[in-house]
Amino acid sequence: MFIQDSWEEAISYRSLEEAYDSEEVRGPKSMVRGHTAVRPGRNKVDGGRRVTTDENYEAALLGTLVGAEELSDPLQQLLDTGYITEVISRVKSGKEATVYCCRAHPSTGRELVAAKVYEIDIAAHYRMSKLYADGRFRVYKPDSRQERAIKSGKKHGREMVFADWVGQEYENLHVLHAAGADVPAPIAQCGPGILMGYIGDATRPAPMLVGASLSAAEAQRLFDQAMRNIRIFLAKDRVHGDLSPYNMLLWKDRLVIIDLPQVVHARWNDEAFNVLKRDIENVVDFFVRRGVEASASQLAVEMWTEYRRAELVVG
């Protein structure tokens, strides 16, 4: 089984096709609370060097992705590898993924962790238009064999696209968490599943910011935190791309930003400024209604100008 520890390691993996021929994940059939874990088969979505061109990437995403019956169970893989001891409950189900609250193995140093398992037809939500695909792979060396596979739109190419989508979130978590951003701590990736720090406690998960009742002082403090995180993202050449009160959690008086697979690369995406402006507008709109005074356009222009001049300072 491949566990993707970093993006740098991921792009050095053998091709998926080679991996299928030589790697197999085996483990006992187990029952976990709220989920029936099946015997894992071959891990067909992790590993593989990344696809290379925006056009091919976008074209492949418009197809139907590989069926779920052909994927090994990431929850079972996490159990087999000792990261978790029990799946406690389903926390959230959406178009992109299902998130589970899991009991962590003591070796992780945590009591609870979150397992995010992606749906196979991940493109159903974003359709990965050029807005998101643009520039995604300009920084990586093309591989002609993978280009052909992606462009063909066939099963192997679609699997590589799906693996990249999942791997992007895991890598973004690594980079941004290390930079001090308020995102869940990444722990491991098993195929279409990502294990990360759990935001909440044993009684309930952290609620979304959108439903929070805030005083004017609380709103200002959380707004400042949100803007600080947007600056950290940009300092790391990243724009969230879908930031809103629906993917910011509020726990113990602090925000945690989630859902990072669609992150836009600020240096290579031609629409990066417009995406940044939209993210800031979503944040400002929420907090202005709670007493914060701010101009989304002004904040976006100032931040982008600092970024382009290499003067962006994260306080």
C-alpha atoms as a PDB file:
ATOM      1  CA  MET A   1       0.000   0.000   0.000  1.00  0.00           C
ATOM      2  CA  PHE A   2       1.185   3.496  -0.768  1.00  0.00           C
ATOM      3  CA  ILE A   3       0.808   6.164   1.891  1.00  0.00           C
ATOM      4  CA  GLN A   4       1.557   9.544   0.374  1.00  0.00           C
ATOM      5  CA  ASP A   5       3.744  11.387   2.879  1.00  0.00           C
ATOM      6  CA  SER A   6       4.487  14.358   0.678  1.00  0.00           C
ATOM      7  CA  TRP A   7       3.940  15.779  -2.777  1.00  0.00           C
ATOM      8  CA  GLU A   8       7.629  15.400  -3.544  1.00  0.00           C
ATOM      9  CA  GLU A   9       7.431  11.687  -2.818  1.00  0.00           C
ATOM     10  CA  ALA A  10       4.189  11.360  -4.748  1.00  0.00           C
ATOM     11  CA  ILE A  11       5.653  12.610  -8.012  1.00  0.00           C
ATOM     12  CA  SER A  12       8.460  10.068  -7.756  1.00  0.00           C
ATOM     13  CA  TYR A  13       6.177   7.051  -7.422  1.00  0.00           C
ATOM     14  CA  ARG A  14       5.979   4.536 -10.213  1.00  0.00           C
ATOM     15  CA  SER A  15       3.076   4.797 -12.606  1.00  0.00           C
ATOM     16  CA  LEU A  16      -0.253   3.508 -11.446  1.00  0.00           C
ATOM     17  CA  GLU A  17      -0.193   0.776 -14.019  1.00  0.00           C
ATOM     18  CA  GLU A  18       3.072  -0.569 -12.657  1.00  0.00           C
ATOM     19  CA  ALA A  19       1.760  -0.266  -9.120  1.00  0.00           C
ATOM     20  CA  TYR A  20      -1.314  -2.324  -9.957  1.00  0.00           C
ATOM     21  CA  ASP A  21       0.860  -5.145 -11.218  1.00  0.00           C
ATOM     22  CA  SER A  22       3.062  -5.348  -8.145  1.00  0.00           C
ATOM     23  CA  GLU A  23       1.302  -3.940  -5.069  1.00  0.00           C
ATOM     24  CA  GLU A  24      -1.564  -5.449  -3.142  1.00  0.00           C
ATOM     25  CA  VAL A  25      -3.020  -4.473   0.191  1.00  0.00           C
ATOM     26  CA  ARG A  26      -4.357  -7.298   2.290  1.00  0.00           C
ATOM     27  CA  GLY A  27      -6.026  -7.387   5.655  1.00  0.00           C
ATOM     28  CA  PRO A  28      -8.763  -9.071   7.643  1.00  0.00           C
ATOM     29  CA  LYS A  29     -12.408  -8.257   7.117  1.00  0.00           C
ATOM     30  CA  SER A  30     -13.581  -6.105  10.006  1.00  0.00           C
ATOM     31  CA  MET A  31     -16.750  -4.520  11.291  1.00  0.00           C
ATOM     32  CA  VAL A  32     -16.482  -0.983  12.592  1.00  0.00           C
ATOM     33  CA  ARG A  33     -19.208   1.068  14.188  1.00  0.00           C
ATOM     34  CA  GLY A  34     -21.311   2.813  11.565  1.00  0.00           C
ATOM     35  CA  HIS A  35     -19.362   1.268   8.687  1.00  0.00           C
ATOM     36  CA  THR A  36     -18.744  -2.180   7.280  1.00  0.00           C
ATOM     37  CA  ALA A  37     -15.118  -2.453   6.337  1.00  0.00           C
ATOM     38  CA  VAL A  38     -14.434  -4.851   3.485  1.00  0.00           C
ATOM     39  CA  ARG A  39     -11.294  -6.729   2.597  1.00  0.00           C
ATOM     40  CA  PRO A  40      -9.174  -4.272   0.657  1.00  0.00           C
ATOM     41  CA  GLY A  41      -8.144  -5.081  -2.876  1.00  0.00           C
ATOM     42  CA  ARG A  42      -5.485  -3.425  -4.961  1.00  0.00           C
ATOM     43  CA  ASN A  43      -4.979   0.199  -4.258  1.00  0.00           C
ATOM     44  CA  LYS A  44      -5.708   1.733  -7.651  1.00  0.00           C
ATOM     45  CA  VAL A  45      -5.817   5.382  -6.819  1.00  0.00           C
ATOM     46  CA  ASP A  46      -2.727   6.245  -4.811  1.00  0.00           C
ATOM     47  CA  GLY A  47       0.724   6.727  -6.224  1.00  0.00           C
ATOM     48  CA  GLY A  48       1.658   7.567  -9.777  1.00  0.00           C
ATOM     49  CA  ARG A  49       3.463  10.649 -11.027  1.00  0.00           C
ATOM     50  CA  ARG A  50       1.210  13.586 -11.618  1.00  0.00           C
ATOM     51  CA  VAL A  51      -0.495  14.506 -14.878  1.00  0.00           C
ATOM     52  CA  THR A  52       1.024  17.313 -16.799  1.00  0.00           C
ATOM     53  CA  THR A  53      -1.125  19.607 -18.935  1.00  0.00           C
ATOM     54  CA  ASP A  54      -4.106  21.733 -18.057  1.00  0.00           C
ATOM     55  CA  GLU A  55      -5.998  20.843 -21.222  1.00  0.00           C
ATOM     56  CA  ASN A  56      -5.628  17.104 -20.770  1.00  0.00           C
ATOM     57  CA  TYR A  57      -6.436  17.359 -17.085  1.00  0.00           C
ATOM     58  CA  GLU A  58      -9.637  19.259 -17.753  1.00  0.00           C
ATOM     59  CA  ALA A  59     -10.689  16.902 -20.542  1.00  0.00           C
ATOM     60  CA  ALA A  60     -10.224  13.825 -18.387  1.00  0.00           C
ATOM     61  CA  LEU A  61     -12.293  15.278 -15.565  1.00  0.00           C
ATOM     62  CA  LEU A  62     -15.310  15.626 -17.817  1.00  0.00           C
ATOM     63  CA  GLY A  63     -15.527  11.859 -18.106  1.00  0.00           C
ATOM     64  CA  THR A  64     -17.025   9.400 -15.638  1.00  0.00           C
ATOM     65  CA  LEU A  65     -14.505   8.361 -13.025  1.00  0.00           C
ATOM     66  CA  VAL A  66     -13.729   4.806 -12.019  1.00  0.00           C
ATOM     67  CA  GLY A  67     -16.419   2.886 -10.131  1.00  0.00           C
ATOM     68  CA  ALA A  68     -16.293   2.569  -6.354  1.00  0.00           C
ATOM     69  CA  GLU A  69     -16.358  -1.212  -6.469  1.00  0.00           C
ATOM     70  CA  GLU A  70     -12.865  -1.169  -7.963  1.00  0.00           C
ATOM     71  CA  LEU A  71     -11.288   0.788  -5.144  1.00  0.00           C
ATOM     72  CA  SER A  72      -9.943  -0.619  -1.922  1.00  0.00           C
ATOM     73  CA  ASP A  73     -11.573   0.626   1.255  1.00  0.00           C
ATOM     74  CA  PRO A  74      -9.494   3.479   2.724  1.00  0.00           C
ATOM     75  CA  LEU A  75     -11.065   3.098   6.167  1.00  0.00           C
ATOM     76  CA  GLN A  76      -9.987  -0.529   6.256  1.00  0.00           C
ATOM     77  CA  GLN A  77      -6.523   0.478   5.103  1.00  0.00           C
ATOM     78  CA  LEU A  78      -6.281   2.974   7.957  1.00  0.00           C
ATOM     79  CA  LEU A  79      -7.350   0.250  10.383  1.00  0.00           C
ATOM     80  CA  ASP A  80      -4.890  -2.255   8.924  1.00  0.00           C
ATOM     81  CA  THR A  81      -1.971   0.170   9.091  1.00  0.00           C
ATOM     82  CA  GLY A  82      -2.713   1.061  12.697  1.00  0.00           C
ATOM     83  CA  TYR A  83      -3.593   4.716  12.312  1.00  0.00           C
ATOM     84  CA  ILE A  84      -7.094   4.191  13.700  1.00  0.00           C
ATOM     85  CA  THR A  85      -8.708   1.589  15.931  1.00  0.00           C
ATOM     86  CA  GLU A  86     -12.385   2.330  15.326  1.00  0.00           C
ATOM     87  CA  VAL A  87     -14.687   4.336  13.085  1.00  0.00           C
ATOM     88  CA  ILE A  88     -17.027   6.065  15.516  1.00  0.00           C
ATOM     89  CA  SER A  89     -19.474   7.973  13.340  1.00  0.00           C
ATOM     90  CA  ARG A  90     -20.155   9.674  10.045  1.00  0.00           C
ATOM     91  CA  VAL A  91     -19.648  13.398  10.581  1.00  0.00           C
ATOM     92  CA  LYS A  92     -20.486  14.856   7.201  1.00  0.00           C
ATOM     93  CA  SER A  93     -21.587  13.610   3.794  1.00  0.00           C
ATOM     94  CA  GLY A  94     -21.360  15.759   0.686  1.00  0.00           C
ATOM     95  CA  LYS A  95     -20.898  15.739  -3.065  1.00  0.00           C
ATOM     96  CA  GLU A  96     -17.136  15.575  -2.700  1.00  0.00           C
ATOM     97  CA  ALA A  97     -16.491  13.315   0.256  1.00  0.00           C
ATOM     98  CA  THR A  98     -17.689  11.748   3.480  1.00  0.00           C
ATOM     99  CA  VAL A  99     -15.924  12.600   6.733  1.00  0.00           C
ATOM    100  CA  TYR A 100     -15.753  10.107   9.608  1.00  0.00           C
ATOM    101  CA  CYS A 101     -14.797  10.593  13.233  1.00  0.00           C
ATOM    102  CA  CYS A 102     -12.344   7.844  14.179  1.00  0.00           C
ATOM    103  CA  ARG A 103     -10.646   6.623  17.325  1.00  0.00           C
ATOM    104  CA  ALA A 104      -6.928   7.205  16.845  1.00  0.00           C
ATOM    105  CA  HIS A 105      -4.270   4.656  17.681  1.00  0.00           C
ATOM    106  CA  PRO A 106      -2.284   5.778  20.770  1.00  0.00           C
ATOM    107  CA  SER A 107       0.873   5.927  18.649  1.00  0.00           C
ATOM    108  CA  THR A 108      -0.552   8.963  16.844  1.00  0.00           C
ATOM    109  CA  GLY A 109      -0.640  10.955  20.079  1.00  0.00           C
ATOM    110  CA  ARG A 110      -4.279  11.816  19.432  1.00  0.00           C
ATOM    111  CA  GLU A 111      -7.593  10.612  20.806  1.00  0.00           C
ATOM    112  CA  LEU A 112      -9.684  11.361  17.720  1.00  0.00           C
ATOM    113  CA  VAL A 113      -8.883  11.869  14.045  1.00  0.00           C
ATOM    114  CA  ALA A 114     -10.960  12.642  10.969  1.00  0.00           C
ATOM    115  CA  ALA A 115     -10.963  10.390   7.906  1.00  0.00           C
ATOM    116  CA  LYS A 116     -12.089  12.109   4.710  1.00  0.00           C
ATOM    117  CA  VAL A 117     -13.075   9.619   2.010  1.00  0.00           C
ATOM    118  CA  TYR A 118     -13.610  11.076  -1.436  1.00  0.00           C
ATOM    119  CA  GLU A 119     -16.497  10.142  -3.674  1.00  0.00           C
ATOM    120  CA  ILE A 120     -15.308   8.662  -6.932  1.00  0.00           C
ATOM    121  CA  ASP A 121     -17.120  11.164  -9.157  1.00  0.00           C
ATOM    122  CA  ILE A 122     -15.314  14.070  -7.541  1.00  0.00           C
ATOM    123  CA  ALA A 123     -15.710  16.178 -10.677  1.00  0.00           C
ATOM    124  CA  ALA A 124     -19.478  16.269 -10.194  1.00  0.00           C
ATOM    125  CA  HIS A 125     -19.112  19.229  -7.837  1.00  0.00           C
ATOM    126  CA  TYR A 126     -16.512  21.451  -9.477  1.00  0.00           C
ATOM    127  CA  ARG A 127     -16.230  19.851 -12.917  1.00  0.00           C
ATOM    128  CA  MET A 128     -12.669  21.078 -12.599  1.00  0.00           C
ATOM    129  CA  SER A 129     -13.106  23.817 -15.201  1.00  0.00           C
ATOM    130  CA  LYS A 130     -10.132  25.699 -16.562  1.00  0.00           C
ATOM    131  CA  LEU A 131     -10.563  28.119 -13.654  1.00  0.00           C
ATOM    132  CA  TYR A 132      -9.184  25.444 -11.326  1.00  0.00           C
ATOM    133  CA  ALA A 133      -7.067  23.396 -13.729  1.00  0.00           C
ATOM    134  CA  ASP A 134      -5.146  26.343 -15.190  1.00  0.00           C
ATOM    135  CA  GLY A 135      -1.529  26.265 -14.102  1.00  0.00           C
ATOM    136  CA  ARG A 136      -2.005  23.264 -11.872  1.00  0.00           C
ATOM    137  CA  PHE A 137       0.868  21.358 -13.467  1.00  0.00           C
ATOM    138  CA  ARG A 138       3.021  23.977 -15.123  1.00  0.00           C
ATOM    139  CA  VAL A 139       5.575  23.575 -12.371  1.00  0.00           C
ATOM    140  CA  TYR A 140       6.012  19.843 -13.021  1.00  0.00           C
ATOM    141  CA  LYS A 141       7.851  18.043 -15.774  1.00  0.00           C
ATOM    142  CA  PRO A 142       5.620  16.566 -18.480  1.00  0.00           C
ATOM    143  CA  ASP A 143       5.408  12.814 -18.927  1.00  0.00           C
ATOM    144  CA  SER A 144       4.306  11.878 -22.440  1.00  0.00           C
ATOM    145  CA  ARG A 145       2.897   8.504 -21.429  1.00  0.00           C
ATOM    146  CA  GLN A 146       0.656  10.046 -18.804  1.00  0.00           C
ATOM    147  CA  GLU A 147      -0.334  12.866 -21.132  1.00  0.00           C
ATOM    148  CA  ARG A 148      -1.621  10.297 -23.595  1.00  0.00           C
ATOM    149  CA  ALA A 149      -3.486   8.420 -20.872  1.00  0.00           C
ATOM    150  CA  ILE A 150      -5.153  11.568 -19.554  1.00  0.00           C
ATOM    151  CA  LYS A 151      -6.029  12.853 -23.012  1.00  0.00           C
ATOM    152  CA  SER A 152      -7.628   9.543 -23.969  1.00  0.00           C
ATOM    153  CA  GLY A 153     -10.189   9.925 -21.171  1.00  0.00           C
ATOM    154  CA  LYS A 154      -9.937   6.203 -20.500  1.00  0.00           C
ATOM    155  CA  LYS A 155     -10.022   4.500 -17.122  1.00  0.00           C
ATOM    156  CA  HIS A 156      -6.291   4.681 -16.377  1.00  0.00           C
ATOM    157  CA  GLY A 157      -6.150   8.385 -17.141  1.00  0.00           C
ATOM    158  CA  ARG A 158      -9.248   9.136 -15.091  1.00  0.00           C
ATOM    159  CA  GLU A 159      -7.749   7.284 -12.147  1.00  0.00           C
ATOM    160  CA  MET A 160      -4.637   9.447 -12.327  1.00  0.00           C
ATOM    161  CA  VAL A 161      -6.782  12.579 -12.369  1.00  0.00           C
ATOM    162  CA  PHE A 162      -8.730  11.363  -9.355  1.00  0.00           C
ATOM    163  CA  ALA A 163      -5.533  10.477  -7.491  1.00  0.00           C
ATOM    164  CA  ASP A 164      -4.196  13.938  -8.197  1.00  0.00           C
ATOM    165  CA  TRP A 165      -7.326  15.616  -6.844  1.00  0.00           C
ATOM    166  CA  VAL A 166      -6.984  13.762  -3.538  1.00  0.00           C
ATOM    167  CA  GLY A 167      -3.226  14.225  -3.410  1.00  0.00           C
ATOM    168  CA  GLN A 168      -3.584  17.961  -3.926  1.00  0.00           C
ATOM    169  CA  GLU A 169      -5.577  18.340  -0.712  1.00  0.00           C
ATOM    170  CA  TYR A 170      -3.101  16.277   1.271  1.00  0.00           C
ATOM    171  CA  GLU A 171      -0.154  18.310  -0.010  1.00  0.00           C
ATOM    172  CA  ASN A 172      -1.967  21.607   0.591  1.00  0.00           C
ATOM    173  CA  LEU A 173      -2.640  20.585   4.179  1.00  0.00           C
ATOM    174  CA  HIS A 174       1.039  19.767   4.658  1.00  0.00           C
ATOM    175  CA  VAL A 175       2.327  23.050   3.248  1.00  0.00           C
ATOM    176  CA  LEU A 176      -0.223  25.313   4.901  1.00  0.00           C
ATOM    177  CA  HIS A 177      -0.215  23.633   8.313  1.00  0.00           C
ATOM    178  CA  ALA A 178       3.580  23.880   8.396  1.00  0.00           C
ATOM    179  CA  ALA A 179       3.270  27.569   7.502  1.00  0.00           C
ATOM    180  CA  GLY A 180       1.045  28.229  10.505  1.00  0.00           C
ATOM    181  CA  ALA A 181      -2.311  28.344   8.755  1.00  0.00           C
ATOM    182  CA  ASP A 182      -5.390  27.240  10.699  1.00  0.00           C
ATOM    183  CA  VAL A 183      -6.060  24.028   8.796  1.00  0.00           C
ATOM    184  CA  PRO A 184      -6.368  20.440  10.068  1.00  0.00           C
ATOM    185  CA  ALA A 185      -3.060  18.689  10.666  1.00  0.00           C
ATOM    186  CA  PRO A 186      -2.380  16.092   7.929  1.00  0.00           C
ATOM    187  CA  ILE A 187      -1.574  12.603   9.189  1.00  0.00           C
ATOM    188  CA  ALA A 188      -1.730  10.107   6.322  1.00  0.00           C
ATOM    189  CA  GLN A 189      -3.240   9.363   2.925  1.00  0.00           C
ATOM    190  CA  CYS A 190      -4.578   5.955   1.938  1.00  0.00           C
ATOM    191  CA  GLY A 191      -5.847   5.942  -1.636  1.00  0.00           C
ATOM    192  CA  PRO A 192      -8.978   8.116  -1.781  1.00  0.00           C
ATOM    193  CA  GLY A 193      -8.892   8.698   1.973  1.00  0.00           C
ATOM    194  CA  ILE A 194      -7.068  11.385   3.949  1.00  0.00           C
ATOM    195  CA  LEU A 195      -6.500  11.157   7.695  1.00  0.00           C
ATOM    196  CA  MET A 196      -6.214  14.500   9.483  1.00  0.00           C
ATOM    197  CA  GLY A 197      -6.665  16.132  12.829  1.00  0.00           C
ATOM    198  CA  TYR A 198     -10.250  16.056  14.113  1.00  0.00           C
ATOM    199  CA  ILE A 199     -11.858  19.406  14.897  1.00  0.00           C
ATOM    200  CA  GLY A 200     -14.339  18.866  17.708  1.00  0.00           C
ATOM    201  CA  ASP A 201     -14.616  16.468  20.627  1.00  0.00           C
ATOM    202  CA  ALA A 202     -16.156  13.087  21.409  1.00  0.00           C
ATOM    203  CA  THR A 203     -19.629  14.598  21.784  1.00  0.00           C
ATOM    204  CA  ARG A 204     -19.830  16.651  18.596  1.00  0.00           C
ATOM    205  CA  PRO A 205     -17.844  17.924  15.624  1.00  0.00           C
ATOM    206  CA  ALA A 206     -16.973  21.601  15.307  1.00  0.00           C
ATOM    207  CA  PRO A 207     -19.853  23.556  13.741  1.00  0.00           C
ATOM    208  CA  MET A 208     -19.537  25.598  10.566  1.00  0.00           C
ATOM    209  CA  LEU A 209     -18.959  29.310  10.986  1.00  0.00           C
ATOM    210  CA  VAL A 210     -22.094  30.108   8.984  1.00  0.00           C
ATOM    211  CA  GLY A 211     -24.399  29.326  11.897  1.00  0.00           C
ATOM    212  CA  ALA A 212     -22.454  31.148  14.594  1.00  0.00           C
ATOM    213  CA  SER A 213     -23.918  33.943  16.724  1.00  0.00           C
ATOM    214  CA  LEU A 214     -21.153  36.502  17.214  1.00  0.00           C
ATOM    215  CA  SER A 215     -20.770  39.740  19.085  1.00  0.00           C
ATOM    216  CA  ALA A 216     -19.170  42.642  17.220  1.00  0.00           C
ATOM    217  CA  ALA A 217     -15.890  42.050  19.059  1.00  0.00           C
ATOM    218  CA  GLU A 218     -15.927  38.323  18.299  1.00  0.00           C
ATOM    219  CA  ALA A 219     -16.708  39.001  14.654  1.00  0.00           C
ATOM    220  CA  GLN A 220     -13.781  41.411  14.333  1.00  0.00           C
ATOM    221  CA  ARG A 221     -11.359  38.975  15.948  1.00  0.00           C
ATOM    222  CA  LEU A 222     -12.446  36.081  13.740  1.00  0.00           C
ATOM    223  CA  PHE A 223     -12.411  38.275  10.640  1.00  0.00           C
ATOM    224  CA  ASP A 224      -8.819  39.242  11.398  1.00  0.00           C
ATOM    225  CA  GLN A 225      -7.967  35.562  11.793  1.00  0.00           C
ATOM    226  CA  ALA A 226      -9.626  34.699   8.477  1.00  0.00           C
ATOM    227  CA  MET A 227      -7.714  37.428   6.651  1.00  0.00           C
ATOM    228  CA  ARG A 228      -4.464  36.314   8.256  1.00  0.00           C
ATOM    229  CA  ASN A 229      -5.064  32.824   6.893  1.00  0.00           C
ATOM    230  CA  ILE A 230      -5.807  34.133   3.408  1.00  0.00           C
ATOM    231  CA  ARG A 231      -2.470  35.947   3.567  1.00  0.00           C
ATOM    232  CA  ILE A 232      -0.668  32.775   4.671  1.00  0.00           C
ATOM    233  CA  PHE A 233      -2.234  30.873   1.785  1.00  0.00           C
ATOM    234  CA  LEU A 234      -1.120  33.549  -0.679  1.00  0.00           C
ATOM    235  CA  ALA A 235       2.372  33.717   0.802  1.00  0.00           C
ATOM    236  CA  LYS A 236       2.587  30.021  -0.082  1.00  0.00           C
ATOM    237  CA  ASP A 237       1.375  30.742  -3.644  1.00  0.00           C
ATOM    238  CA  ARG A 238      -2.085  29.401  -2.901  1.00  0.00           C
ATOM    239  CA  VAL A 239      -5.641  30.712  -3.053  1.00  0.00           C
ATOM    240  CA  HIS A 240      -8.339  28.571  -1.426  1.00  0.00           C
ATOM    241  CA  GLY A 241     -10.696  28.901  -4.373  1.00  0.00           C
ATOM    242  CA  ASP A 242     -13.929  28.128  -2.546  1.00  0.00           C
ATOM    243  CA  LEU A 243     -13.609  29.956   0.767  1.00  0.00           C
ATOM    244  CA  SER A 244     -16.841  30.763   2.575  1.00  0.00           C
ATOM    245  CA  PRO A 245     -18.429  30.451   6.042  1.00  0.00           C
ATOM    246  CA  TYR A 246     -19.501  26.959   4.984  1.00  0.00           C
ATOM    247  CA  ASN A 247     -15.949  25.599   4.936  1.00  0.00           C
ATOM    248  CA  MET A 248     -14.646  27.406   7.993  1.00  0.00           C
ATOM    249  CA  LEU A 249     -15.223  25.645  11.301  1.00  0.00           C
ATOM    250  CA  LEU A 250     -15.475  27.442  14.631  1.00  0.00           C
ATOM    251  CA  TRP A 251     -14.011  25.590  17.588  1.00  0.00           C
ATOM    252  CA  LYS A 252     -12.810  26.962  20.918  1.00  0.00           C
ATOM    253  CA  ASP A 253     -12.988  30.546  19.664  1.00  0.00           C
ATOM    254  CA  ARG A 254     -10.830  29.939  16.602  1.00  0.00           C
ATOM    255  CA  LEU A 255     -11.443  29.284  12.943  1.00  0.00           C
ATOM    256  CA  VAL A 256     -10.244  26.218  11.084  1.00  0.00           C
ATOM    257  CA  ILE A 257     -10.329  26.251   7.281  1.00  0.00           C
ATOM    258  CA  ILE A 258     -11.212  22.987   5.555  1.00  0.00           C
ATOM    259  CA  ASP A 259     -11.726  21.585   2.028  1.00  0.00           C
ATOM    260  CA  LEU A 260      -8.511  22.262   0.116  1.00  0.00           C
ATOM    261  CA  PRO A 261      -8.400  20.098  -3.046  1.00  0.00           C
ATOM    262  CA  GLN A 262      -9.387  22.857  -5.476  1.00  0.00           C
ATOM    263  CA  VAL A 263      -6.749  25.331  -4.268  1.00  0.00           C
ATOM    264  CA  VAL A 264      -5.526  27.604  -7.080  1.00  0.00           C
ATOM    265  CA  HIS A 265      -1.810  28.181  -7.635  1.00  0.00           C
ATOM    266  CA  ALA A 266      -1.363  31.941  -7.486  1.00  0.00           C
ATOM    267  CA  ARG A 267       1.799  32.110  -9.586  1.00  0.00           C
ATOM    268  CA  TRP A 268       0.543  30.013 -12.482  1.00  0.00           C
ATOM    269  CA  ASN A 269      -3.213  30.492 -12.706  1.00  0.00           C
ATOM    270  CA  ASP A 270      -4.286  33.424 -14.870  1.00  0.00           C
ATOM    271  CA  GLU A 271      -7.466  33.864 -12.824  1.00  0.00           C
ATOM    272  CA  ALA A 272      -5.763  33.762  -9.423  1.00  0.00           C
ATOM    273  CA  PHE A 273      -6.519  37.388  -8.557  1.00  0.00           C
ATOM    274  CA  ASN A 274     -10.218  37.013  -9.416  1.00  0.00           C
ATOM    275  CA  VAL A 275     -10.400  33.839  -7.331  1.00  0.00           C
ATOM    276  CA  LEU A 276      -8.691  35.611  -4.426  1.00  0.00           C
ATOM    277  CA  LYS A 277     -11.108  38.540  -4.716  1.00  0.00           C
ATOM    278  CA  ARG A 278     -14.077  36.173  -4.682  1.00  0.00           C
ATOM    279  CA  ASP A 279     -12.794  34.385  -1.575  1.00  0.00           C
ATOM    280  CA  ILE A 280     -12.299  37.696   0.221  1.00  0.00           C
ATOM    281  CA  GLU A 281     -15.753  38.896  -0.852  1.00  0.00           C
ATOM    282  CA  ASN A 282     -17.342  35.774   0.653  1.00  0.00           C
ATOM    283  CA  VAL A 283     -15.531  36.352   3.949  1.00  0.00           C
ATOM    284  CA  VAL A 284     -16.210  40.087   4.049  1.00  0.00           C
ATOM    285  CA  ASP A 285     -19.918  39.655   3.217  1.00  0.00           C
ATOM    286  CA  PHE A 286     -20.352  37.340   6.195  1.00  0.00           C
ATOM    287  CA  PHE A 287     -18.540  39.532   8.700  1.00  0.00           C
ATOM    288  CA  VAL A 288     -19.900  42.878   7.515  1.00  0.00           C
ATOM    289  CA  ARG A 289     -23.356  41.667   8.475  1.00  0.00           C
ATOM    290  CA  ARG A 290     -21.954  41.186  11.986  1.00  0.00           C
ATOM    291  CA  GLY A 291     -20.504  44.654  12.419  1.00  0.00           C
ATOM    292  CA  VAL A 292     -17.102  44.446  10.738  1.00  0.00           C
ATOM    293  CA  GLU A 293     -16.145  47.343   8.455  1.00  0.00           C
ATOM    294  CA  ALA A 294     -14.105  46.251   5.447  1.00  0.00           C
ATOM    295  CA  SER A 295     -13.877  46.615   1.670  1.00  0.00           C
ATOM    296  CA  ALA A 296     -13.330  43.333  -0.151  1.00  0.00           C
ATOM    297  CA  SER A 297     -12.070  45.042  -3.304  1.00  0.00           C
ATOM    298  CA  GLN A 298      -9.556  47.142  -1.413  1.00  0.00           C
ATOM    299  CA  LEU A 299      -8.292  44.200   0.637  1.00  0.00           C
ATOM    300  CA  ALA A 300      -7.916  42.036  -2.472  1.00  0.00           C
ATOM    301  CA  VAL A 301      -6.029  44.687  -4.460  1.00  0.00           C
ATOM    302  CA  GLU A 302      -3.709  45.536  -1.579  1.00  0.00           C
ATOM    303  CA  MET A 303      -2.939  41.921  -0.801  1.00  0.00           C
ATOM    304  CA  TRP A 304      -2.375  40.993  -4.451  1.00  0.00           C
ATOM    305  CA  THR A 305      -0.123  44.004  -4.994  1.00  0.00           C
ATOM    306  CA  GLU A 306       1.999  43.041  -1.989  1.00  0.00           C
ATOM    307  CA  TYR A 307       2.180  39.474  -3.256  1.00  0.00           C
ATOM    308  CA  ARG A 308       3.248  40.491  -6.755  1.00  0.00           C
ATOM    309  CA  ARG A 309       5.940  42.757  -5.308  1.00  0.00           C
ATOM    310  CA  ALA A 310       7.158  40.021  -2.955  1.00  0.00           C
ATOM    311  CA  GLU A 311       6.234  42.288  -0.043  1.00  0.00           C
ATOM    312  CA  LEU A 312       3.486  40.163   1.490  1.00  0.00           C
ATOM    313  CA  VAL A 313       3.918  40.076   5.257  1.00  0.00           C
ATOM    314  CA  VAL A 314       2.033  37.638   7.454  1.00  0.00           C
ATOM    315  CA  GLY A 315       1.443  39.107  10.910  1.00  0.00           C
END
